Amino acid sequence: MKGLRKVLTPFAPDQSGAVSVLYGLGGMIVIIDAGGCTGNICGFDEPRWHNARSAVFSAGLRDMDAILGRDKLLVSKIASACSRIDASFVALVGTPVPATIATDYKALKRMIENETSIPVLTIATDGMKLYDEGEAMAYKALFDEFAKEDGKLEELTLGKTPLSFGDGHKDNTLDDYKNLGEGTRLIAASSSGIEAARLLGKPCEIYSSAAGEMAGSVPSGNVLVCHDEVFGKTLRDRGIACDIATFFTLHDDVRKEGDRKITEEDEFTELVRNGGYDVIVADECLKPLAEDFGGTWIDAPFFALSGRR
């Protein structure tokens, strides 16, 4: 049944993905909302919030602020905060509120930069998409603002965030993006990394180190991998014949016959029931949806599905 969830919790939306990319870069992140979206991001979707603080603020929009589009008030709040916080940049992250009232991000960027002399990134997420799309949008904003054609960075990994990898994530630095150049080798560790490289117009190597480390423990047989698409592709590239199922993006240059983008719990149940699989590689949170499965289950934690770090 469309939209029915009995087992899985709601997935992190695009604004959470954007914050996941920006969190450790030393900027001031402003969620343009009344407070609820910011609470969800910090309380549920960002595991670093509990042990590595970052300057994440809510715009604190009230009803009339949203209706009347009081941009000057928002600019004043941000300028006041910048006077007390040593921020390398300001990032404006969208939610359903600015999407509904058609907020002019370009105008806000210009007004805040004139007031603070600090670079401003705008990420027009709308809360209607999933986290991987928001991550890609945040990467694009960083590229547009900071990357230089003559940058000398040798290698940059994209998409290895806590939402995909929990405690196994990799934090890039702001200097990494400032030193990104034409010769930089890009590695896409998850679907957002593939999309970010596409937005940048650069080729990338598709590889998940977590999947690479697991490859030797996956037995032969009819294998289903339900995870991020790059996780599944990496296992396939290591010689494991498998079908990939994912609740998130499935790019055409990864997809092969038998791979499937799923959106509902009962789609996964049907896939397992009818697929004749001997081995499933997936987060254990999916087990209640595969009660008829009698083969080997290999646990592959996926924070975006289960919240397990």
C-alpha atoms as a PDB file:
ATOM      1  CA  MET A   1       0.000   0.000   0.000  1.00  0.00           C
ATOM      2  CA  LYS A   2       1.410   3.377  -1.015  1.00  0.00           C
ATOM      3  CA  GLY A   3       2.898   5.284   1.901  1.00  0.00           C
ATOM      4  CA  LEU A   4       2.114   2.639   4.530  1.00  0.00           C
ATOM      5  CA  ARG A   5       4.963   2.107   6.994  1.00  0.00           C
ATOM      6  CA  LYS A   6       4.701  -0.579   9.655  1.00  0.00           C
ATOM      7  CA  VAL A   7       8.408  -1.186  10.230  1.00  0.00           C
ATOM      8  CA  LEU A   8      10.586   1.552   8.738  1.00  0.00           C
ATOM      9  CA  THR A   9      10.775   5.052  10.166  1.00  0.00           C
ATOM     10  CA  PRO A  10      10.539   8.094   7.865  1.00  0.00           C
ATOM     11  CA  PHE A  11      13.689   8.643   5.826  1.00  0.00           C
ATOM     12  CA  ALA A  12      15.771  11.796   6.223  1.00  0.00           C
ATOM     13  CA  PRO A  13      14.669  14.516   3.768  1.00  0.00           C
ATOM     14  CA  ASP A  14      16.820  16.614   1.475  1.00  0.00           C
ATOM     15  CA  GLN A  15      17.464  19.410   3.981  1.00  0.00           C
ATOM     16  CA  SER A  16      19.005  16.856   6.378  1.00  0.00           C
ATOM     17  CA  GLY A  17      21.269  15.645   3.582  1.00  0.00           C
ATOM     18  CA  ALA A  18      22.428  19.184   2.867  1.00  0.00           C
ATOM     19  CA  VAL A  19      23.258  19.772   6.534  1.00  0.00           C
ATOM     20  CA  SER A  20      25.118  16.450   6.661  1.00  0.00           C
ATOM     21  CA  VAL A  21      27.548  17.702   3.991  1.00  0.00           C
ATOM     22  CA  LEU A  22      27.983  21.161   5.539  1.00  0.00           C
ATOM     23  CA  TYR A  23      28.061  20.233   9.220  1.00  0.00           C
ATOM     24  CA  GLY A  24      31.788  20.034   9.924  1.00  0.00           C
ATOM     25  CA  LEU A  25      33.032  22.771   7.597  1.00  0.00           C
ATOM     26  CA  GLY A  26      33.101  25.684  10.033  1.00  0.00           C
ATOM     27  CA  GLY A  27      30.194  27.615   8.558  1.00  0.00           C
ATOM     28  CA  MET A  28      26.957  28.927  10.028  1.00  0.00           C
ATOM     29  CA  ILE A  29      24.028  26.839   8.790  1.00  0.00           C
ATOM     30  CA  VAL A  30      20.628  28.524   8.823  1.00  0.00           C
ATOM     31  CA  ILE A  31      17.562  26.334   8.294  1.00  0.00           C
ATOM     32  CA  ILE A  32      14.798  28.530   6.893  1.00  0.00           C
ATOM     33  CA  ASP A  33      11.934  27.213   8.998  1.00  0.00           C
ATOM     34  CA  ALA A  34       9.920  27.887  12.139  1.00  0.00           C
ATOM     35  CA  GLY A  35      11.971  25.436  14.190  1.00  0.00           C
ATOM     36  CA  GLY A  36      10.513  22.006  13.551  1.00  0.00           C
ATOM     37  CA  CYS A  37      12.757  21.019  10.650  1.00  0.00           C
ATOM     38  CA  THR A  38      15.842  22.115  12.570  1.00  0.00           C
ATOM     39  CA  GLY A  39      14.746  20.007  15.554  1.00  0.00           C
ATOM     40  CA  ASN A  40      14.348  16.939  13.352  1.00  0.00           C
ATOM     41  CA  ILE A  41      17.737  17.459  11.720  1.00  0.00           C
ATOM     42  CA  CYS A  42      19.663  17.902  14.974  1.00  0.00           C
ATOM     43  CA  GLY A  43      17.645  15.424  17.026  1.00  0.00           C
ATOM     44  CA  PHE A  44      17.323  12.542  14.589  1.00  0.00           C
ATOM     45  CA  ASP A  45      19.263  12.921  11.324  1.00  0.00           C
ATOM     46  CA  GLU A  46      22.630  14.276  12.465  1.00  0.00           C
ATOM     47  CA  PRO A  47      24.500  11.890  14.811  1.00  0.00           C
ATOM     48  CA  ARG A  48      27.379  14.343  15.256  1.00  0.00           C
ATOM     49  CA  TRP A  49      25.050  16.782  17.050  1.00  0.00           C
ATOM     50  CA  HIS A  50      25.506  14.827  20.267  1.00  0.00           C
ATOM     51  CA  ASN A  51      29.305  14.950  20.356  1.00  0.00           C
ATOM     52  CA  ALA A  52      30.567  17.511  17.807  1.00  0.00           C
ATOM     53  CA  ARG A  53      28.718  20.795  17.862  1.00  0.00           C
ATOM     54  CA  SER A  54      28.231  22.974  14.818  1.00  0.00           C
ATOM     55  CA  ALA A  55      26.605  26.374  14.303  1.00  0.00           C
ATOM     56  CA  VAL A  56      23.164  25.219  13.147  1.00  0.00           C
ATOM     57  CA  PHE A  57      20.347  27.746  13.570  1.00  0.00           C
ATOM     58  CA  SER A  58      16.664  27.948  12.775  1.00  0.00           C
ATOM     59  CA  ALA A  59      15.429  31.104  11.069  1.00  0.00           C
ATOM     60  CA  GLY A  60      12.572  30.993  13.599  1.00  0.00           C
ATOM     61  CA  LEU A  61       9.969  32.098  11.066  1.00  0.00           C
ATOM     62  CA  ARG A  62       6.578  32.996  12.480  1.00  0.00           C
ATOM     63  CA  ASP A  63       3.407  32.836  10.402  1.00  0.00           C
ATOM     64  CA  MET A  64       3.497  36.487   9.387  1.00  0.00           C
ATOM     65  CA  ASP A  65       7.236  36.333   8.651  1.00  0.00           C
ATOM     66  CA  ALA A  66       6.546  33.631   6.085  1.00  0.00           C
ATOM     67  CA  ILE A  67       3.420  35.269   4.674  1.00  0.00           C
ATOM     68  CA  LEU A  68       4.960  38.722   4.309  1.00  0.00           C
ATOM     69  CA  GLY A  69       8.441  37.529   3.335  1.00  0.00           C
ATOM     70  CA  ARG A  70      10.309  39.570   5.926  1.00  0.00           C
ATOM     71  CA  ASP A  71      13.730  39.063   4.377  1.00  0.00           C
ATOM     72  CA  LYS A  72      15.273  42.082   6.106  1.00  0.00           C
ATOM     73  CA  LEU A  73      14.456  40.565   9.492  1.00  0.00           C
ATOM     74  CA  LEU A  74      16.187  37.309   8.543  1.00  0.00           C
ATOM     75  CA  VAL A  75      19.218  39.213   7.236  1.00  0.00           C
ATOM     76  CA  SER A  76      19.383  41.198  10.487  1.00  0.00           C
ATOM     77  CA  LYS A  77      19.256  38.003  12.577  1.00  0.00           C
ATOM     78  CA  ILE A  78      22.039  36.402  10.540  1.00  0.00           C
ATOM     79  CA  ALA A  79      24.214  39.528  10.688  1.00  0.00           C
ATOM     80  CA  SER A  80      23.792  39.643  14.468  1.00  0.00           C
ATOM     81  CA  ALA A  81      24.814  36.003  14.807  1.00  0.00           C
ATOM     82  CA  CYS A  82      27.802  36.494  12.499  1.00  0.00           C
ATOM     83  CA  SER A  83      29.068  39.298  14.730  1.00  0.00           C
ATOM     84  CA  ARG A  84      29.404  36.754  17.553  1.00  0.00           C
ATOM     85  CA  ILE A  85      30.443  33.643  15.604  1.00  0.00           C
ATOM     86  CA  ASP A  86      33.611  33.207  13.576  1.00  0.00           C
ATOM     87  CA  ALA A  87      31.951  31.534  10.569  1.00  0.00           C
ATOM     88  CA  SER A  88      33.757  30.756   7.307  1.00  0.00           C
ATOM     89  CA  PHE A  89      30.497  31.018   5.381  1.00  0.00           C
ATOM     90  CA  VAL A  90      26.740  31.205   5.830  1.00  0.00           C
ATOM     91  CA  ALA A  91      24.573  28.455   4.343  1.00  0.00           C
ATOM     92  CA  LEU A  92      20.852  28.946   3.785  1.00  0.00           C
ATOM     93  CA  VAL A  93      19.083  25.577   3.688  1.00  0.00           C
ATOM     94  CA  GLY A  94      15.520  25.432   2.412  1.00  0.00           C
ATOM     95  CA  THR A  95      12.463  23.630   3.806  1.00  0.00           C
ATOM     96  CA  PRO A  96       8.820  23.451   2.666  1.00  0.00           C
ATOM     97  CA  VAL A  97       8.260  27.011   3.979  1.00  0.00           C
ATOM     98  CA  PRO A  98      10.532  28.920   1.551  1.00  0.00           C
ATOM     99  CA  ALA A  99       9.518  26.514  -1.229  1.00  0.00           C
ATOM    100  CA  THR A 100       5.862  27.408  -0.653  1.00  0.00           C
ATOM    101  CA  ILE A 101       6.367  31.176  -0.583  1.00  0.00           C
ATOM    102  CA  ALA A 102       8.946  31.189  -3.426  1.00  0.00           C
ATOM    103  CA  THR A 103      11.817  32.670  -1.430  1.00  0.00           C
ATOM    104  CA  ASP A 104      14.328  34.534  -3.601  1.00  0.00           C
ATOM    105  CA  TYR A 105      17.592  32.874  -2.565  1.00  0.00           C
ATOM    106  CA  LYS A 106      19.722  34.989  -4.899  1.00  0.00           C
ATOM    107  CA  ALA A 107      18.415  38.168  -3.301  1.00  0.00           C
ATOM    108  CA  LEU A 108      19.007  36.791   0.205  1.00  0.00           C
ATOM    109  CA  LYS A 109      22.549  35.805  -0.737  1.00  0.00           C
ATOM    110  CA  ARG A 110      23.290  39.293  -2.043  1.00  0.00           C
ATOM    111  CA  MET A 111      21.746  41.019   0.981  1.00  0.00           C
ATOM    112  CA  ILE A 112      23.590  38.864   3.539  1.00  0.00           C
ATOM    113  CA  GLU A 113      26.934  39.141   1.770  1.00  0.00           C
ATOM    114  CA  ASN A 114      26.560  42.931   1.612  1.00  0.00           C
ATOM    115  CA  GLU A 115      25.748  43.034   5.318  1.00  0.00           C
ATOM    116  CA  THR A 116      28.381  40.568   6.588  1.00  0.00           C
ATOM    117  CA  SER A 117      31.105  40.297   3.891  1.00  0.00           C
ATOM    118  CA  ILE A 118      30.945  36.515   4.397  1.00  0.00           C
ATOM    119  CA  PRO A 119      30.350  34.062   1.501  1.00  0.00           C
ATOM    120  CA  VAL A 120      26.785  32.749   1.391  1.00  0.00           C
ATOM    121  CA  LEU A 121      25.713  29.357   0.029  1.00  0.00           C
ATOM    122  CA  THR A 122      22.084  28.803  -0.914  1.00  0.00           C
ATOM    123  CA  ILE A 123      20.628  25.283  -1.062  1.00  0.00           C
ATOM    124  CA  ALA A 124      17.015  25.332  -2.227  1.00  0.00           C
ATOM    125  CA  THR A 125      15.933  22.056  -0.666  1.00  0.00           C
ATOM    126  CA  ASP A 126      12.192  21.745  -0.139  1.00  0.00           C
ATOM    127  CA  GLY A 127      11.683  18.780   2.208  1.00  0.00           C
ATOM    128  CA  MET A 128       9.927  16.790  -0.517  1.00  0.00           C
ATOM    129  CA  LYS A 129      12.966  14.817  -1.673  1.00  0.00           C
ATOM    130  CA  LEU A 130      15.266  12.383   0.136  1.00  0.00           C
ATOM    131  CA  TYR A 131      18.593  13.047   1.812  1.00  0.00           C
ATOM    132  CA  ASP A 132      20.844  11.938  -1.050  1.00  0.00           C
ATOM    133  CA  GLU A 133      19.442  14.622  -3.349  1.00  0.00           C
ATOM    134  CA  GLY A 134      20.017  17.268  -0.675  1.00  0.00           C
ATOM    135  CA  GLU A 135      23.612  16.121  -0.249  1.00  0.00           C
ATOM    136  CA  ALA A 136      24.239  16.519  -3.976  1.00  0.00           C
ATOM    137  CA  MET A 137      22.753  20.034  -3.907  1.00  0.00           C
ATOM    138  CA  ALA A 138      25.042  21.004  -1.015  1.00  0.00           C
ATOM    139  CA  TYR A 139      28.114  19.686  -2.842  1.00  0.00           C
ATOM    140  CA  LYS A 140      27.117  21.729  -5.903  1.00  0.00           C
ATOM    141  CA  ALA A 141      26.782  24.872  -3.780  1.00  0.00           C
ATOM    142  CA  LEU A 142      30.262  24.308  -2.310  1.00  0.00           C
ATOM    143  CA  PHE A 143      31.734  23.726  -5.775  1.00  0.00           C
ATOM    144  CA  ASP A 144      30.119  26.879  -7.178  1.00  0.00           C
ATOM    145  CA  GLU A 145      31.294  29.081  -4.309  1.00  0.00           C
ATOM    146  CA  PHE A 146      34.766  27.789  -3.550  1.00  0.00           C
ATOM    147  CA  ALA A 147      36.249  25.542  -6.272  1.00  0.00           C
ATOM    148  CA  LYS A 148      39.025  26.986  -8.442  1.00  0.00           C
ATOM    149  CA  GLU A 149      40.133  25.861 -11.886  1.00  0.00           C
ATOM    150  CA  ASP A 150      43.778  25.830 -10.761  1.00  0.00           C
ATOM    151  CA  GLY A 151      43.150  23.965  -7.478  1.00  0.00           C
ATOM    152  CA  LYS A 152      45.773  21.324  -6.669  1.00  0.00           C
ATOM    153  CA  LEU A 153      43.771  18.861  -4.560  1.00  0.00           C
ATOM    154  CA  GLU A 154      44.646  15.338  -5.687  1.00  0.00           C
ATOM    155  CA  GLU A 155      41.565  13.433  -4.461  1.00  0.00           C
ATOM    156  CA  LEU A 156      38.153  14.140  -2.947  1.00  0.00           C
ATOM    157  CA  THR A 157      35.585  11.632  -1.659  1.00  0.00           C
ATOM    158  CA  LEU A 158      31.951  12.636  -2.070  1.00  0.00           C
ATOM    159  CA  GLY A 159      28.928  11.086  -0.395  1.00  0.00           C
ATOM    160  CA  LYS A 160      30.620   9.447   2.582  1.00  0.00           C
ATOM    161  CA  THR A 161      28.379  11.158   5.130  1.00  0.00           C
ATOM    162  CA  PRO A 162      26.916   9.914   8.440  1.00  0.00           C
ATOM    163  CA  LEU A 163      23.533   9.387   6.787  1.00  0.00           C
ATOM    164  CA  SER A 164      25.010   6.697   4.556  1.00  0.00           C
ATOM    165  CA  PHE A 165      27.855   5.403   6.709  1.00  0.00           C
ATOM    166  CA  GLY A 166      27.161   6.276  10.354  1.00  0.00           C
ATOM    167  CA  ASP A 167      30.386   6.384  12.344  1.00  0.00           C
ATOM    168  CA  GLY A 168      32.282   5.205   9.246  1.00  0.00           C
ATOM    169  CA  HIS A 169      31.776   8.546   7.506  1.00  0.00           C
ATOM    170  CA  LYS A 170      34.543  10.797   6.198  1.00  0.00           C
ATOM    171  CA  ASP A 171      34.623  14.523   6.954  1.00  0.00           C
ATOM    172  CA  ASN A 172      36.031  16.723   4.227  1.00  0.00           C
ATOM    173  CA  THR A 173      37.368  20.181   5.093  1.00  0.00           C
ATOM    174  CA  LEU A 174      36.486  23.533   3.587  1.00  0.00           C
ATOM    175  CA  ASP A 175      40.036  23.732   2.224  1.00  0.00           C
ATOM    176  CA  ASP A 176      39.337  20.559   0.241  1.00  0.00           C
ATOM    177  CA  TYR A 177      36.612  22.368  -1.688  1.00  0.00           C
ATOM    178  CA  LYS A 178      38.698  25.513  -2.041  1.00  0.00           C
ATOM    179  CA  ASN A 179      41.525  23.460  -3.559  1.00  0.00           C
ATOM    180  CA  LEU A 180      39.314  21.428  -5.890  1.00  0.00           C
ATOM    181  CA  GLY A 181      40.582  21.761  -9.459  1.00  0.00           C
ATOM    182  CA  GLU A 182      40.361  20.275 -12.924  1.00  0.00           C
ATOM    183  CA  GLY A 183      42.826  17.534 -12.032  1.00  0.00           C
ATOM    184  CA  THR A 184      41.147  16.419  -8.807  1.00  0.00           C
ATOM    185  CA  ARG A 185      40.199  12.739  -8.748  1.00  0.00           C
ATOM    186  CA  LEU A 186      36.632  12.367  -7.469  1.00  0.00           C
ATOM    187  CA  ILE A 187      35.460   9.232  -5.652  1.00  0.00           C
ATOM    188  CA  ALA A 188      31.701   8.718  -5.260  1.00  0.00           C
ATOM    189  CA  ALA A 189      31.086   6.703  -2.084  1.00  0.00           C
ATOM    190  CA  SER A 190      27.298   6.874  -2.399  1.00  0.00           C
ATOM    191  CA  SER A 191      24.609   7.985  -4.825  1.00  0.00           C
ATOM    192  CA  SER A 192      24.927  11.633  -3.805  1.00  0.00           C
ATOM    193  CA  GLY A 193      28.580  11.528  -4.825  1.00  0.00           C
ATOM    194  CA  ILE A 194      27.650  10.331  -8.310  1.00  0.00           C
ATOM    195  CA  GLU A 195      25.074  13.088  -8.672  1.00  0.00           C
ATOM    196  CA  ALA A 196      27.449  15.739  -7.302  1.00  0.00           C
ATOM    197  CA  ALA A 197      30.112  14.784  -9.854  1.00  0.00           C
ATOM    198  CA  ARG A 198      27.498  15.020 -12.600  1.00  0.00           C
ATOM    199  CA  LEU A 199      26.448  18.479 -11.424  1.00  0.00           C
ATOM    200  CA  LEU A 200      30.103  19.491 -11.514  1.00  0.00           C
ATOM    201  CA  GLY A 201      30.498  17.967 -14.970  1.00  0.00           C
ATOM    202  CA  LYS A 202      33.400  15.748 -13.906  1.00  0.00           C
ATOM    203  CA  PRO A 203      33.943  11.975 -14.068  1.00  0.00           C
ATOM    204  CA  CYS A 204      34.173  10.015 -10.830  1.00  0.00           C
ATOM    205  CA  GLU A 205      35.294   6.636  -9.555  1.00  0.00           C
ATOM    206  CA  ILE A 206      32.360   4.771  -7.976  1.00  0.00           C
ATOM    207  CA  TYR A 207      33.511   2.913  -4.871  1.00  0.00           C
ATOM    208  CA  SER A 208      32.369   2.238  -1.298  1.00  0.00           C
ATOM    209  CA  SER A 209      35.197   1.229   1.033  1.00  0.00           C
ATOM    210  CA  ALA A 210      32.669  -0.297   3.464  1.00  0.00           C
ATOM    211  CA  ALA A 211      31.386  -2.609   0.739  1.00  0.00           C
ATOM    212  CA  GLY A 212      34.915  -3.377  -0.402  1.00  0.00           C
ATOM    213  CA  GLU A 213      35.830  -4.534   3.102  1.00  0.00           C
ATOM    214  CA  MET A 214      32.706  -6.712   3.270  1.00  0.00           C
ATOM    215  CA  ALA A 215      33.139  -8.381  -0.127  1.00  0.00           C
ATOM    216  CA  GLY A 216      35.187 -11.297   1.161  1.00  0.00           C
ATOM    217  CA  SER A 217      32.476 -12.336   3.629  1.00  0.00           C
ATOM    218  CA  VAL A 218      29.598 -12.560   1.138  1.00  0.00           C
ATOM    219  CA  PRO A 219      29.002 -16.180   0.089  1.00  0.00           C
ATOM    220  CA  SER A 220      28.191 -17.156  -3.468  1.00  0.00           C
ATOM    221  CA  GLY A 221      24.633 -17.741  -4.566  1.00  0.00           C
ATOM    222  CA  ASN A 222      21.666 -15.632  -5.606  1.00  0.00           C
ATOM    223  CA  VAL A 223      22.436 -12.383  -3.759  1.00  0.00           C
ATOM    224  CA  LEU A 224      20.262  -9.342  -3.091  1.00  0.00           C
ATOM    225  CA  VAL A 225      21.889  -6.137  -1.849  1.00  0.00           C
ATOM    226  CA  CYS A 226      19.488  -3.563  -0.382  1.00  0.00           C
ATOM    227  CA  HIS A 227      21.563  -0.510   0.456  1.00  0.00           C
ATOM    228  CA  ASP A 228      22.890   2.543  -1.354  1.00  0.00           C
ATOM    229  CA  GLU A 229      23.512   1.855  -5.057  1.00  0.00           C
ATOM    230  CA  VAL A 230      27.290   2.385  -4.737  1.00  0.00           C
ATOM    231  CA  PHE A 231      27.458  -0.195  -1.958  1.00  0.00           C
ATOM    232  CA  GLY A 232      25.842  -2.746  -4.266  1.00  0.00           C
ATOM    233  CA  LYS A 233      27.929  -1.782  -7.292  1.00  0.00           C
ATOM    234  CA  THR A 234      31.153  -2.115  -5.302  1.00  0.00           C
ATOM    235  CA  LEU A 235      30.240  -5.669  -4.276  1.00  0.00           C
ATOM    236  CA  ARG A 236      29.408  -6.426  -7.907  1.00  0.00           C
ATOM    237  CA  ASP A 237      32.729  -4.984  -9.051  1.00  0.00           C
ATOM    238  CA  ARG A 238      34.448  -7.281  -6.535  1.00  0.00           C
ATOM    239  CA  GLY A 239      33.031 -10.304  -8.342  1.00  0.00           C
ATOM    240  CA  ILE A 240      29.806 -10.845  -6.394  1.00  0.00           C
ATOM    241  CA  ALA A 241      26.902 -11.411  -8.760  1.00  0.00           C
ATOM    242  CA  CYS A 242      23.979  -9.592  -7.152  1.00  0.00           C
ATOM    243  CA  ASP A 243      20.805  -7.644  -7.681  1.00  0.00           C
ATOM    244  CA  ILE A 244      20.676  -4.152  -6.199  1.00  0.00           C
ATOM    245  CA  ALA A 245      17.548  -2.770  -4.534  1.00  0.00           C
ATOM    246  CA  THR A 246      17.515   0.698  -3.024  1.00  0.00           C
ATOM    247  CA  PHE A 247      15.032   3.101  -1.494  1.00  0.00           C
ATOM    248  CA  PHE A 248      17.159   5.961  -2.820  1.00  0.00           C
ATOM    249  CA  THR A 249      18.588   7.020  -6.172  1.00  0.00           C
ATOM    250  CA  LEU A 250      19.501   4.382  -8.765  1.00  0.00           C
ATOM    251  CA  HIS A 251      21.492   5.899 -11.621  1.00  0.00           C
ATOM    252  CA  ASP A 252      21.360   4.465 -15.126  1.00  0.00           C
ATOM    253  CA  ASP A 253      25.127   3.901 -15.230  1.00  0.00           C
ATOM    254  CA  VAL A 254      24.812   1.658 -12.141  1.00  0.00           C
ATOM    255  CA  ARG A 255      21.543  -0.100 -12.913  1.00  0.00           C
ATOM    256  CA  LYS A 256      21.625  -3.540 -14.508  1.00  0.00           C
ATOM    257  CA  GLU A 257      18.907  -6.027 -15.293  1.00  0.00           C
ATOM    258  CA  GLY A 258      17.449  -7.226 -12.000  1.00  0.00           C
ATOM    259  CA  ASP A 259      18.210  -3.988 -10.110  1.00  0.00           C
ATOM    260  CA  ARG A 260      15.258  -2.141  -8.663  1.00  0.00           C
ATOM    261  CA  LYS A 261      14.339   1.217  -7.147  1.00  0.00           C
ATOM    262  CA  ILE A 262      11.772   0.597  -4.405  1.00  0.00           C
ATOM    263  CA  THR A 263       9.640   3.037  -2.446  1.00  0.00           C
ATOM    264  CA  GLU A 264       7.313   0.937  -0.298  1.00  0.00           C
ATOM    265  CA  GLU A 265       7.826  -1.689   2.416  1.00  0.00           C
ATOM    266  CA  ASP A 266       5.676  -4.247   0.627  1.00  0.00           C
ATOM    267  CA  GLU A 267       7.813  -3.893  -2.524  1.00  0.00           C
ATOM    268  CA  PHE A 268      10.796  -5.201  -0.555  1.00  0.00           C
ATOM    269  CA  THR A 269       8.707  -8.022   0.921  1.00  0.00           C
ATOM    270  CA  GLU A 270       7.507  -9.044  -2.546  1.00  0.00           C
ATOM    271  CA  LEU A 271      11.023  -8.847  -3.977  1.00  0.00           C
ATOM    272  CA  VAL A 272      12.409 -11.175  -1.308  1.00  0.00           C
ATOM    273  CA  ARG A 273       9.453 -13.565  -1.522  1.00  0.00           C
ATOM    274  CA  ASN A 274       9.620 -13.942  -5.301  1.00  0.00           C
ATOM    275  CA  GLY A 275      13.327 -13.462  -5.988  1.00  0.00           C
ATOM    276  CA  GLY A 276      14.632 -16.843  -4.846  1.00  0.00           C
ATOM    277  CA  TYR A 277      17.560 -15.254  -3.041  1.00  0.00           C
ATOM    278  CA  ASP A 278      20.067 -17.271  -1.028  1.00  0.00           C
ATOM    279  CA  VAL A 279      21.818 -14.260   0.502  1.00  0.00           C
ATOM    280  CA  ILE A 280      20.599 -10.806   1.503  1.00  0.00           C
ATOM    281  CA  VAL A 281      23.026  -7.997   2.303  1.00  0.00           C
ATOM    282  CA  ALA A 282      21.060  -5.273   4.086  1.00  0.00           C
ATOM    283  CA  ASP A 283      20.482  -3.467   7.360  1.00  0.00           C
ATOM    284  CA  GLU A 284      18.884  -5.712   9.979  1.00  0.00           C
ATOM    285  CA  CYS A 285      16.005  -3.250  10.313  1.00  0.00           C
ATOM    286  CA  LEU A 286      14.588  -4.787   7.121  1.00  0.00           C
ATOM    287  CA  LYS A 287      14.367  -8.304   8.569  1.00  0.00           C
ATOM    288  CA  PRO A 288      10.734  -7.948   9.758  1.00  0.00           C
ATOM    289  CA  LEU A 289       9.817  -7.279   6.126  1.00  0.00           C
ATOM    290  CA  ALA A 290      11.343 -10.593   5.029  1.00  0.00           C
ATOM    291  CA  GLU A 291       9.849 -13.084   7.480  1.00  0.00           C
ATOM    292  CA  ASP A 292       9.692 -15.838   4.841  1.00  0.00           C
ATOM    293  CA  PHE A 293      13.403 -15.591   4.021  1.00  0.00           C
ATOM    294  CA  GLY A 294      15.378 -18.646   5.135  1.00  0.00           C
ATOM    295  CA  GLY A 295      18.795 -17.924   3.640  1.00  0.00           C
ATOM    296  CA  THR A 296      21.864 -16.054   4.895  1.00  0.00           C
ATOM    297  CA  TRP A 297      21.406 -12.472   6.058  1.00  0.00           C
ATOM    298  CA  ILE A 298      24.536 -10.312   6.190  1.00  0.00           C
ATOM    299  CA  ASP A 299      24.018  -7.159   8.220  1.00  0.00           C
ATOM    300  CA  ALA A 300      25.091  -3.980   6.423  1.00  0.00           C
ATOM    301  CA  PRO A 301      24.144  -1.034   8.675  1.00  0.00           C
ATOM    302  CA  PHE A 302      22.618   1.916   6.826  1.00  0.00           C
ATOM    303  CA  PHE A 303      21.962   4.949   9.035  1.00  0.00           C
ATOM    304  CA  ALA A 304      19.447   6.408   6.588  1.00  0.00           C
ATOM    305  CA  LEU A 305      17.230   3.366   7.079  1.00  0.00           C
ATOM    306  CA  SER A 306      17.699   2.423  10.726  1.00  0.00           C
ATOM    307  CA  GLY A 307      19.524   5.196  12.570  1.00  0.00           C
ATOM    308  CA  ARG A 308      22.193   2.637  13.574  1.00  0.00           C
ATOM    309  CA  ARG A 309      25.616   4.245  13.694  1.00  0.00           C
END
